Amino acid sequence: MLHEIGFPIVVIPFEGDWYDAASLYREWVLPNADWVKMGRLDERNDTPAWAYNLTTWLNPFLPTH
């Protein structure tokens, strides 16, 4: 069954780890994503203050979970 998702995606095979995957994503996102074109977070005035003061990060993919 096919579903329309409403936005383009790219799927490519690669060898490596999460860092390599993040590097591939960075190559694409910097010239293509509208939110990146708005500038660095520290240079924008539309980021709420709480976003700079997070006290907790959750990672549900840790082996102990």
C-alpha atoms as a PDB file:
ATOM      1  CA  MET A   1       0.000   0.000   0.000  1.00  0.00           C
ATOM      2  CA  LEU A   2       1.381   3.425  -0.952  1.00  0.00           C
ATOM      3  CA  HIS A   3       0.778   6.561   1.097  1.00  0.00           C
ATOM      4  CA  GLU A   4       1.264  10.171   0.069  1.00  0.00           C
ATOM      5  CA  ILE A   5       3.397  11.940   2.675  1.00  0.00           C
ATOM      6  CA  GLY A   6       3.215  15.462   1.271  1.00  0.00           C
ATOM      7  CA  PHE A   7       6.944  16.213   1.263  1.00  0.00           C
ATOM      8  CA  PRO A   8      10.027  14.904  -0.555  1.00  0.00           C
ATOM      9  CA  ILE A   9      12.374  12.410   1.037  1.00  0.00           C
ATOM     10  CA  VAL A  10      15.731  10.938   0.071  1.00  0.00           C
ATOM     11  CA  VAL A  11      16.880   7.478   1.102  1.00  0.00           C
ATOM     12  CA  ILE A  12      20.449   6.404   0.395  1.00  0.00           C
ATOM     13  CA  PRO A  13      22.532   3.458   1.531  1.00  0.00           C
ATOM     14  CA  PHE A  14      25.782   4.233   3.338  1.00  0.00           C
ATOM     15  CA  GLU A  15      28.349   2.577   5.551  1.00  0.00           C
ATOM     16  CA  GLY A  16      29.144   4.118   8.870  1.00  0.00           C
ATOM     17  CA  ASP A  17      27.685   5.144  12.192  1.00  0.00           C
ATOM     18  CA  TRP A  18      25.402   7.881  13.481  1.00  0.00           C
ATOM     19  CA  TYR A  19      28.088  10.516  12.935  1.00  0.00           C
ATOM     20  CA  ASP A  20      28.415   9.585   9.274  1.00  0.00           C
ATOM     21  CA  ALA A  21      24.619   9.697   8.927  1.00  0.00           C
ATOM     22  CA  ALA A  22      24.540  13.129  10.567  1.00  0.00           C
ATOM     23  CA  SER A  23      27.223  14.353   8.166  1.00  0.00           C
ATOM     24  CA  LEU A  24      25.158  13.217   5.183  1.00  0.00           C
ATOM     25  CA  TYR A  25      22.104  14.964   6.613  1.00  0.00           C
ATOM     26  CA  ARG A  26      24.122  18.141   7.202  1.00  0.00           C
ATOM     27  CA  GLU A  27      25.268  18.145   3.568  1.00  0.00           C
ATOM     28  CA  TRP A  28      21.643  18.162   2.490  1.00  0.00           C
ATOM     29  CA  VAL A  29      20.052  20.311   5.178  1.00  0.00           C
ATOM     30  CA  LEU A  30      22.345  23.350   4.990  1.00  0.00           C
ATOM     31  CA  PRO A  31      21.475  24.324   1.405  1.00  0.00           C
ATOM     32  CA  ASN A  32      17.893  23.007   1.398  1.00  0.00           C
ATOM     33  CA  ALA A  33      15.973  23.402   4.661  1.00  0.00           C
ATOM     34  CA  ASP A  34      14.018  26.631   5.099  1.00  0.00           C
ATOM     35  CA  TRP A  35      14.586  26.680   8.867  1.00  0.00           C
ATOM     36  CA  VAL A  36      18.364  26.619   8.318  1.00  0.00           C
ATOM     37  CA  LYS A  37      18.139  29.527   5.899  1.00  0.00           C
ATOM     38  CA  MET A  38      16.686  31.623   8.741  1.00  0.00           C
ATOM     39  CA  GLY A  39      20.144  31.747  10.328  1.00  0.00           C
ATOM     40  CA  ARG A  40      21.939  30.423  13.384  1.00  0.00           C
ATOM     41  CA  LEU A  41      19.868  30.144  16.554  1.00  0.00           C
ATOM     42  CA  ASP A  42      22.216  32.475  18.415  1.00  0.00           C
ATOM     43  CA  GLU A  43      21.739  35.116  15.712  1.00  0.00           C
ATOM     44  CA  ARG A  44      17.930  34.977  15.603  1.00  0.00           C
ATOM     45  CA  ASN A  45      15.407  36.711  17.807  1.00  0.00           C
ATOM     46  CA  ASP A  46      12.527  34.260  17.381  1.00  0.00           C
ATOM     47  CA  THR A  47      13.887  31.481  19.620  1.00  0.00           C
ATOM     48  CA  PRO A  48      12.174  31.338  23.023  1.00  0.00           C
ATOM     49  CA  ALA A  49      14.437  31.768  26.045  1.00  0.00           C
ATOM     50  CA  TRP A  50      13.523  28.358  27.468  1.00  0.00           C
ATOM     51  CA  ALA A  51      15.157  26.706  24.443  1.00  0.00           C
ATOM     52  CA  TYR A  52      18.538  27.972  25.643  1.00  0.00           C
ATOM     53  CA  ASN A  53      18.049  26.730  29.216  1.00  0.00           C
ATOM     54  CA  LEU A  54      17.031  23.097  28.899  1.00  0.00           C
ATOM     55  CA  THR A  55      17.921  21.120  31.986  1.00  0.00           C
ATOM     56  CA  THR A  56      16.955  17.647  30.753  1.00  0.00           C
ATOM     57  CA  TRP A  57      17.596  15.715  27.575  1.00  0.00           C
ATOM     58  CA  LEU A  58      15.940  12.346  27.006  1.00  0.00           C
ATOM     59  CA  ASN A  59      17.471   9.623  24.863  1.00  0.00           C
ATOM     60  CA  PRO A  60      15.181   6.580  24.681  1.00  0.00           C
ATOM     61  CA  PHE A  61      17.757   4.637  22.667  1.00  0.00           C
ATOM     62  CA  LEU A  62      20.249   3.990  25.451  1.00  0.00           C
ATOM     63  CA  PRO A  63      20.990   0.267  25.929  1.00  0.00           C
ATOM     64  CA  THR A  64      19.759   0.388  29.534  1.00  0.00           C
ATOM     65  CA  HIS A  65      16.187   1.227  28.530  1.00  0.00           C
END
